[in-house]
Amino acid sequence: MDFLRHVMLTAMVAVLVGCTQFPTEKASVSDLRPQISFTFQDGSISDARVLVDGLDVGRAGDFRDGKAALRVLPGNHVVSVVLGGRALIEQRVYLNDGVSRAFMVQ
């Protein structure tokens, strides 16, 4: 009888331990860097090159507003969009943490 009681108690403990959920911790990091994106009136402009502070960072179409954005460090920047050697826009902007700025390229 003691053996049967011992087996039953061990089985109950195993079931209870198996049902226990250990606490978990989820850590995440928010990226609050400013974001730059572009809108176009003409689709052919999407091949224009984007320069931030004189550094080529890719095609304007890669940073289309509502689809993707270019993250930059907070502070003053010169944003240029160049197509065929001609500057379509060139603006000096100040961007702070958490700011999203869309530029209209014509």
C-alpha atoms as a PDB file:
ATOM      1  CA  MET A   1       0.000   0.000   0.000  1.00  0.00           C
ATOM      2  CA  ASP A   2       2.851   2.384   0.800  1.00  0.00           C
ATOM      3  CA  PHE A   3       4.404   1.620  -2.565  1.00  0.00           C
ATOM      4  CA  LEU A   4       1.156   2.453  -4.373  1.00  0.00           C
ATOM      5  CA  ARG A   5       0.782   5.680  -2.379  1.00  0.00           C
ATOM      6  CA  HIS A   6       4.391   6.638  -3.214  1.00  0.00           C
ATOM      7  CA  VAL A   7       3.839   6.002  -6.954  1.00  0.00           C
ATOM      8  CA  MET A   8       0.600   8.045  -6.944  1.00  0.00           C
ATOM      9  CA  LEU A   9       2.260  10.948  -5.082  1.00  0.00           C
ATOM     10  CA  THR A  10       5.233  10.922  -7.483  1.00  0.00           C
ATOM     11  CA  ALA A  11       2.888  10.950 -10.496  1.00  0.00           C
ATOM     12  CA  MET A  12       0.887  13.881  -9.075  1.00  0.00           C
ATOM     13  CA  VAL A  13       4.061  15.868  -8.383  1.00  0.00           C
ATOM     14  CA  ALA A  14       5.316  15.189 -11.930  1.00  0.00           C
ATOM     15  CA  VAL A  15       2.027  16.408 -13.409  1.00  0.00           C
ATOM     16  CA  LEU A  16       2.020  19.564 -11.287  1.00  0.00           C
ATOM     17  CA  VAL A  17       5.649  20.384 -12.074  1.00  0.00           C
ATOM     18  CA  GLY A  18       5.028  19.844 -15.795  1.00  0.00           C
ATOM     19  CA  CYS A  19       2.173  22.383 -15.706  1.00  0.00           C
ATOM     20  CA  THR A  20       4.253  25.110 -14.145  1.00  0.00           C
ATOM     21  CA  GLN A  21       5.282  27.921 -16.436  1.00  0.00           C
ATOM     22  CA  PHE A  22       8.444  29.677 -15.485  1.00  0.00           C
ATOM     23  CA  PRO A  23       8.430  33.468 -15.768  1.00  0.00           C
ATOM     24  CA  THR A  24       9.906  34.848 -18.953  1.00  0.00           C
ATOM     25  CA  GLU A  25      11.388  38.202 -19.726  1.00  0.00           C
ATOM     26  CA  LYS A  26      11.134  39.893 -23.089  1.00  0.00           C
ATOM     27  CA  ALA A  27      13.645  42.611 -23.813  1.00  0.00           C
ATOM     28  CA  SER A  28      13.386  44.873 -26.830  1.00  0.00           C
ATOM     29  CA  VAL A  29      15.085  48.016 -28.020  1.00  0.00           C
ATOM     30  CA  SER A  30      13.186  50.873 -29.628  1.00  0.00           C
ATOM     31  CA  ASP A  31      14.898  52.572 -32.543  1.00  0.00           C
ATOM     32  CA  LEU A  32      14.037  56.246 -32.225  1.00  0.00           C
ATOM     33  CA  ARG A  33      16.448  57.511 -34.869  1.00  0.00           C
ATOM     34  CA  PRO A  34      14.905  60.010 -37.301  1.00  0.00           C
ATOM     35  CA  GLN A  35      13.564  58.613 -40.579  1.00  0.00           C
ATOM     36  CA  ILE A  36      13.667  60.088 -44.079  1.00  0.00           C
ATOM     37  CA  SER A  37      11.397  58.999 -46.934  1.00  0.00           C
ATOM     38  CA  PHE A  38      10.355  60.340 -50.339  1.00  0.00           C
ATOM     39  CA  THR A  39       7.179  60.807 -52.360  1.00  0.00           C
ATOM     40  CA  PHE A  40       7.187  61.155 -56.156  1.00  0.00           C
ATOM     41  CA  GLN A  41       4.895  62.701 -58.735  1.00  0.00           C
ATOM     42  CA  ASP A  42       6.709  60.844 -61.513  1.00  0.00           C
ATOM     43  CA  GLY A  43       7.743  57.191 -61.162  1.00  0.00           C
ATOM     44  CA  SER A  44      10.916  57.684 -63.236  1.00  0.00           C
ATOM     45  CA  ILE A  45      12.310  59.851 -60.436  1.00  0.00           C
ATOM     46  CA  SER A  46      12.503  56.806 -58.173  1.00  0.00           C
ATOM     47  CA  ASP A  47      15.880  55.984 -59.805  1.00  0.00           C
ATOM     48  CA  ALA A  48      17.362  59.262 -58.539  1.00  0.00           C
ATOM     49  CA  ARG A  49      20.194  58.979 -56.010  1.00  0.00           C
ATOM     50  CA  VAL A  50      19.797  60.124 -52.411  1.00  0.00           C
ATOM     51  CA  LEU A  51      22.698  61.877 -50.732  1.00  0.00           C
ATOM     52  CA  VAL A  52      22.790  62.660 -47.030  1.00  0.00           C
ATOM     53  CA  ASP A  53      25.587  65.048 -46.079  1.00  0.00           C
ATOM     54  CA  GLY A  54      27.227  64.315 -49.437  1.00  0.00           C
ATOM     55  CA  LEU A  55      27.194  60.529 -48.940  1.00  0.00           C
ATOM     56  CA  ASP A  56      25.285  58.430 -51.501  1.00  0.00           C
ATOM     57  CA  VAL A  57      22.889  56.212 -49.516  1.00  0.00           C
ATOM     58  CA  GLY A  58      20.897  54.618 -52.356  1.00  0.00           C
ATOM     59  CA  ARG A  59      17.983  55.072 -54.752  1.00  0.00           C
ATOM     60  CA  ALA A  60      15.116  57.353 -53.786  1.00  0.00           C
ATOM     61  CA  GLY A  61      12.716  54.534 -54.720  1.00  0.00           C
ATOM     62  CA  ASP A  62      14.221  52.398 -51.951  1.00  0.00           C
ATOM     63  CA  PHE A  63      12.900  54.910 -49.393  1.00  0.00           C
ATOM     64  CA  ARG A  64       9.365  55.419 -50.728  1.00  0.00           C
ATOM     65  CA  ASP A  65       7.058  57.005 -48.132  1.00  0.00           C
ATOM     66  CA  GLY A  66       4.793  54.431 -46.504  1.00  0.00           C
ATOM     67  CA  LYS A  67       6.968  51.473 -47.555  1.00  0.00           C
ATOM     68  CA  ALA A  68      10.495  52.090 -46.260  1.00  0.00           C
ATOM     69  CA  ALA A  69      12.549  54.814 -44.648  1.00  0.00           C
ATOM     70  CA  LEU A  70      16.177  55.802 -44.261  1.00  0.00           C
ATOM     71  CA  ARG A  71      17.268  56.098 -40.637  1.00  0.00           C
ATOM     72  CA  VAL A  72      19.805  58.796 -39.814  1.00  0.00           C
ATOM     73  CA  LEU A  73      21.418  60.122 -36.670  1.00  0.00           C
ATOM     74  CA  PRO A  74      19.689  63.036 -34.937  1.00  0.00           C
ATOM     75  CA  GLY A  75      21.015  66.473 -35.872  1.00  0.00           C
ATOM     76  CA  ASN A  76      21.554  68.741 -38.876  1.00  0.00           C
ATOM     77  CA  HIS A  77      21.735  67.130 -42.304  1.00  0.00           C
ATOM     78  CA  VAL A  78      21.822  68.157 -45.952  1.00  0.00           C
ATOM     79  CA  VAL A  79      19.454  65.919 -47.929  1.00  0.00           C
ATOM     80  CA  SER A  80      19.868  65.906 -51.709  1.00  0.00           C
ATOM     81  CA  VAL A  81      18.192  63.942 -54.482  1.00  0.00           C
ATOM     82  CA  VAL A  82      20.161  63.903 -57.744  1.00  0.00           C
ATOM     83  CA  LEU A  83      19.102  62.558 -61.141  1.00  0.00           C
ATOM     84  CA  GLY A  84      21.404  62.730 -64.158  1.00  0.00           C
ATOM     85  CA  GLY A  85      23.735  65.250 -62.533  1.00  0.00           C
ATOM     86  CA  ARG A  86      20.832  67.600 -61.717  1.00  0.00           C
ATOM     87  CA  ALA A  87      19.766  68.246 -58.114  1.00  0.00           C
ATOM     88  CA  LEU A  88      16.011  67.720 -57.773  1.00  0.00           C
ATOM     89  CA  ILE A  89      16.021  68.799 -54.136  1.00  0.00           C
ATOM     90  CA  GLU A  90      18.648  69.967 -51.712  1.00  0.00           C
ATOM     91  CA  GLN A  91      17.506  70.848 -48.221  1.00  0.00           C
ATOM     92  CA  ARG A  92      19.220  71.457 -44.918  1.00  0.00           C
ATOM     93  CA  VAL A  93      17.104  69.944 -42.143  1.00  0.00           C
ATOM     94  CA  TYR A  94      17.306  69.343 -38.419  1.00  0.00           C
ATOM     95  CA  LEU A  95      15.938  65.948 -37.397  1.00  0.00           C
ATOM     96  CA  ASN A  96      15.316  64.959 -33.804  1.00  0.00           C
ATOM     97  CA  ASP A  97      14.739  61.501 -32.251  1.00  0.00           C
ATOM     98  CA  GLY A  98      11.436  59.913 -33.273  1.00  0.00           C
ATOM     99  CA  VAL A  99      10.864  62.280 -36.234  1.00  0.00           C
ATOM    100  CA  SER A 100       9.711  60.982 -39.629  1.00  0.00           C
ATOM    101  CA  ARG A 101      10.177  63.378 -42.537  1.00  0.00           C
ATOM    102  CA  ALA A 102       8.875  62.799 -46.066  1.00  0.00           C
ATOM    103  CA  PHE A 103      10.323  64.874 -48.927  1.00  0.00           C
ATOM    104  CA  MET A 104       8.342  65.539 -52.123  1.00  0.00           C
ATOM    105  CA  VAL A 105      10.557  64.991 -55.169  1.00  0.00           C
ATOM    106  CA  GLN A 106       9.346  66.681 -58.381  1.00  0.00           C
END
